[in-house]
Each structure stands twice: as structure tokens, then as C-alpha cells.
Amino acid sequence: MYRLIRALLKVVVGIAFRYRPEGQQKVPALGPVILAGNHSTGWDPIFIACALKRQVSYMAKVELFEIPVFGSLLHMISVFPVKRGTVDRFAVRKSLEILGAGGALGIFPAGTRRRDGSEHKGLPGAAYFAAKTGATVLPVGVKVHEGFRPEVNVRFGDPLDLGKAEGRIDSATLDVRTAVVMSAIKQLAGRRADGGVA
């Protein structure tokens, strides 16, 4: 079901947008990986997933799962709920299970969508999951250029090996690692396809 829906979405994205993914070869074909991207539109998870050969799981706000039919569809494409504004133990456990099984987890460290491109130090989820599992973090930058048929640039950066932590993970360490991830995302999201600054 996931592959079928992704194939349909790729057709929709190809028609509605000038879709320009690059750097997909940097995505590990196997093993746990955290795809950490910026979040400016509701399409961002789709833009990223359409560029990948492997399945990626996302967390989404629990309210979306309360919408009839749509909520069931989200489950079918490997999306799971998270309660925002609190430490959702289910979402944390599910994320660790996905990575522990060698899967790909999509996450947006900025938290919510930021259409204005405002600065944000980032939430520690990606750094935490990487520290707990040793998963590679792959920064992703998504840039949408407005227009009748918007151009969408999706850029996968170089893998970040933040290292697996032994024992308790202190907040200072998470803050430093989160800053590294956010800096990489910002650089990718701010570049045009020709290498200039967007």
C-alpha cells in the first residue's frame, strides 16, 4: 500500500510542481537513518518521501488521525500519531522501534511549520533518537519557489554520525548535537539548485 500511494503521489507532485530532488544517493540503502528536514509546508513529508526508494515513517499530530478516512490512510502509509506539547511516550517508543528495526524515520526538528523562515534552535528529537540508537542523521533541505507551477528543490546532505551515547543523555549534549543538525538543514534549505543562495 505504501509503494502504491507513493507512486500516485509522485505523479501528483510531478504535475503540480517542478520537482527537483538531488543527492538521493547519499541516503543509506539499508540500516537506521533519521531524515531531518526543515518544515515550511504541509507537502514537505511528501516531497521527501517521493525522492526515496526506501520507506520512511513520519509522526504527525494526533488531531489528523481523528479525521475520518484520512486518519486510516495515514496509518497505511506508515505515519503514526504524536501528542504535541508533551513528551509522548508512545511516539518516542514507536520511533525507537522503527530505528531499532533498521528503518527510516522522517522528523522535522523545527517542530511545527514555519512559513516565514524564522530562526529556531530546534527540538532535540533527532539528536535524541540518534544518540539512543546510533542511527545516521541525514539532513534534508526543502525549498519551494512560489509561482503558477512552483519549483520544489529537495536536497539531501552529507550523513551526520552523531554517535551512540552510553547511559543518560544530558540536555547540554542534545543541544549541541541539535545545533549541528539545524545548521546543516539551514544550509541545504537556503541553496538554489544552481548552488547560489535562495
Protein backbone atom coordinates (compact mmCIF):
# COMPACT_ATOMS: atom_id res chain seq x y z
CA MET A 1 0.00 0.00 0.00
CA TYR A 2 2.83 2.40 0.86
CA ARG A 3 4.52 1.94 -2.52
CA LEU A 4 1.25 2.31 -4.39
CA ILE A 5 0.31 5.54 -2.63
CA ARG A 6 3.84 6.92 -3.04
CA ALA A 7 3.70 6.18 -6.77
CA LEU A 8 0.41 8.06 -7.05
CA LEU A 9 1.77 10.99 -5.06
CA LYS A 10 4.85 11.16 -7.32
CA VAL A 11 2.53 11.61 -10.29
CA VAL A 12 0.62 14.37 -8.49
CA VAL A 13 3.82 16.12 -7.40
CA GLY A 14 5.26 15.87 -10.92
CA ILE A 15 2.18 17.53 -12.38
CA ALA A 16 1.60 20.21 -9.74
CA PHE A 17 5.23 21.20 -9.17
CA ARG A 18 8.56 21.47 -10.95
CA TYR A 19 10.08 18.86 -8.69
CA ARG A 20 13.89 18.91 -8.36
CA PRO A 21 15.32 16.34 -5.91
CA GLU A 22 19.09 15.93 -5.63
CA GLY A 23 21.52 13.95 -3.52
CA GLN A 24 19.33 10.87 -3.09
CA GLN A 25 22.45 8.71 -3.47
CA LYS A 26 23.51 9.94 -0.03
CA VAL A 27 20.59 8.15 1.60
CA PRO A 28 21.78 4.81 3.04
CA ALA A 29 20.03 1.92 1.29
CA LEU A 30 19.96 -0.11 4.49
CA GLY A 31 20.16 0.48 8.21
CA PRO A 32 18.62 3.01 10.58
CA VAL A 33 18.54 6.58 9.29
CA ILE A 34 16.89 9.76 10.52
CA LEU A 35 15.86 12.14 7.75
CA ALA A 36 15.85 15.56 9.42
CA GLY A 37 14.37 18.37 7.34
CA ASN A 38 13.03 21.89 7.55
CA HIS A 39 9.26 22.28 7.65
CA SER A 40 7.62 25.14 5.75
CA THR A 41 4.66 23.47 4.03
CA GLY A 42 2.30 20.56 4.61
CA TRP A 43 3.79 18.94 1.50
CA ASP A 44 7.29 18.54 2.96
CA PRO A 45 6.91 14.90 4.09
CA ILE A 46 5.58 14.01 0.63
CA PHE A 47 8.36 15.91 -1.16
CA ILE A 48 10.97 13.98 0.81
CA ALA A 49 9.28 10.57 0.58
CA CYS A 50 8.83 10.85 -3.19
CA ALA A 51 12.59 11.17 -3.65
CA LEU A 52 13.37 7.97 -1.74
CA LYS A 53 13.43 4.33 -2.79
CA ARG A 54 13.05 3.10 0.78
CA GLN A 55 10.03 3.52 3.02
CA VAL A 56 10.09 6.35 5.53
CA SER A 57 7.90 6.68 8.62
CA TYR A 58 6.71 10.02 9.97
CA MET A 59 4.99 11.19 13.10
CA ALA A 60 2.06 13.61 12.72
CA LYS A 61 -0.11 15.50 15.18
CA VAL A 62 -2.77 13.28 16.72
CA GLU A 63 -5.59 15.56 15.54
CA LEU A 64 -5.04 14.44 11.94
CA PHE A 65 -5.89 10.86 12.88
CA GLU A 66 -9.32 11.98 14.07
CA ILE A 67 -10.33 12.94 10.52
CA PRO A 68 -12.50 10.17 9.02
CA VAL A 69 -10.81 8.13 6.26
CA PHE A 70 -7.74 10.41 6.27
CA GLY A 71 -6.66 9.04 9.63
CA SER A 72 -6.86 5.46 8.34
CA LEU A 73 -4.89 6.46 5.24
CA LEU A 74 -2.10 7.87 7.42
CA HIS A 75 -1.75 4.53 9.21
CA MET A 76 -1.48 2.77 5.84
CA ILE A 77 1.49 4.89 4.78
CA SER A 78 3.47 4.37 7.98
CA VAL A 79 2.52 7.63 9.72
CA PHE A 80 1.94 7.45 13.47
CA PRO A 81 0.41 9.96 15.91
CA VAL A 82 2.18 12.23 18.36
CA LYS A 83 0.68 14.49 21.02
CA ARG A 84 2.37 17.84 20.65
CA GLY A 85 3.34 19.96 23.63
CA THR A 86 4.16 16.98 25.82
CA VAL A 87 6.53 14.02 25.98
CA ASP A 88 4.53 11.41 24.10
CA ARG A 89 5.92 8.08 25.27
CA PHE A 90 4.08 6.17 22.55
CA ALA A 91 5.65 8.31 19.79
CA VAL A 92 9.10 8.01 21.38
CA ARG A 93 8.78 4.23 21.71
CA LYS A 94 7.49 3.89 18.15
CA SER A 95 10.36 5.97 16.77
CA LEU A 96 12.93 3.86 18.61
CA GLU A 97 11.26 0.67 17.36
CA ILE A 98 11.45 1.85 13.74
CA LEU A 99 15.13 2.72 14.02
CA GLY A 100 15.88 -0.42 16.03
CA ALA A 101 14.47 -2.47 13.15
CA GLY A 102 16.76 -0.68 10.69
CA GLY A 103 14.06 1.63 9.30
CA ALA A 104 13.99 5.24 8.14
CA LEU A 105 12.38 7.90 10.33
CA GLY A 106 11.43 11.32 8.97
CA ILE A 107 11.46 14.14 11.50
CA PHE A 108 11.26 17.94 11.45
CA PRO A 109 13.40 19.35 14.29
CA ALA A 110 11.79 22.79 13.95
CA GLY A 111 8.60 21.19 15.26
CA THR A 112 5.76 22.98 13.54
CA ARG A 113 5.66 24.54 10.08
CA ARG A 114 7.45 27.88 9.73
CA ARG A 115 6.33 29.61 6.54
CA ASP A 116 8.27 32.79 7.31
CA GLY A 117 11.62 31.02 7.54
CA SER A 118 12.11 32.31 11.10
CA GLU A 119 15.05 31.03 13.12
CA HIS A 120 14.51 28.29 15.66
CA LYS A 121 17.07 26.38 17.69
CA GLY A 122 15.26 23.14 17.03
CA LEU A 123 13.76 20.39 19.13
CA PRO A 124 16.07 17.59 20.33
CA GLY A 125 14.14 14.63 18.87
CA ALA A 126 16.54 13.82 16.02
CA ALA A 127 19.61 14.13 18.25
CA TYR A 128 17.97 12.05 20.99
CA PHE A 129 16.93 9.21 18.70
CA ALA A 130 20.38 9.17 17.08
CA ALA A 131 22.06 9.03 20.48
CA LYS A 132 19.81 6.19 21.66
CA THR A 133 20.13 4.05 18.51
CA GLY A 134 23.32 5.12 16.76
CA ALA A 135 21.29 5.91 13.64
CA THR A 136 22.78 8.11 10.94
CA VAL A 137 21.20 11.56 10.67
CA LEU A 138 20.71 12.78 7.12
CA PRO A 139 19.87 16.50 6.84
CA VAL A 140 17.35 17.48 4.16
CA GLY A 141 16.59 20.94 2.83
CA VAL A 142 13.28 21.69 1.11
CA LYS A 143 12.84 24.98 -0.75
CA VAL A 144 9.61 25.93 -2.54
CA HIS A 145 9.81 28.79 -5.04
CA GLU A 146 6.37 30.34 -5.46
CA GLY A 147 4.75 30.59 -8.87
CA PHE A 148 1.97 29.23 -11.06
CA ARG A 149 3.75 25.87 -11.02
CA PRO A 150 6.10 26.18 -8.05
CA GLU A 151 9.61 24.83 -8.26
CA VAL A 152 10.49 22.49 -5.40
CA ASN A 153 14.11 21.78 -4.56
CA VAL A 154 14.75 18.84 -2.22
CA ARG A 155 18.41 18.43 -1.25
CA PHE A 156 19.85 15.58 0.76
CA GLY A 157 23.05 16.49 2.57
CA ASP A 158 26.01 14.51 3.83
CA PRO A 159 25.28 11.96 6.57
CA LEU A 160 25.96 13.08 10.14
CA ASP A 161 27.32 10.50 12.55
CA LEU A 162 26.45 11.95 15.94
CA GLY A 163 27.48 8.78 17.74
CA LYS A 164 25.57 6.49 20.06
CA ALA A 165 25.50 7.60 23.69
CA GLU A 166 26.07 5.25 26.58
CA GLY A 167 23.87 5.82 29.59
CA ARG A 168 21.96 9.02 30.28
CA ILE A 169 21.95 11.75 27.64
CA ASP A 170 22.25 15.22 29.18
CA SER A 171 20.42 18.23 27.74
CA ALA A 172 23.62 20.16 27.00
CA THR A 173 24.86 17.38 24.72
CA LEU A 174 21.50 17.21 22.98
CA ASP A 175 21.54 20.99 22.45
CA VAL A 176 24.98 20.86 20.80
CA ARG A 177 24.02 17.96 18.53
CA THR A 178 20.70 19.58 17.64
CA ALA A 179 22.54 22.76 16.66
CA VAL A 180 24.73 20.73 14.28
CA VAL A 181 21.66 19.19 12.65
CA MET A 182 19.82 22.50 12.36
CA SER A 183 22.86 24.21 10.82
CA ALA A 184 23.13 21.51 8.14
CA ILE A 185 19.41 21.76 7.35
CA LYS A 186 19.58 25.54 7.10
CA GLN A 187 22.45 25.43 4.61
CA LEU A 188 20.62 22.94 2.40
CA ALA A 189 17.29 24.78 2.53
CA GLY A 190 18.92 28.09 1.64
CA ARG A 191 20.62 26.98 -1.58
CA ARG A 192 19.23 27.11 -5.10
CA ALA A 193 19.66 24.22 -7.49
CA ASP A 194 22.46 26.18 -9.26
CA GLY A 195 24.40 26.46 -6.00
CA GLY A 196 23.51 30.10 -5.28
CA VAL A 197 21.72 31.45 -2.24
CA ALA A 198 17.93 31.23 -2.43
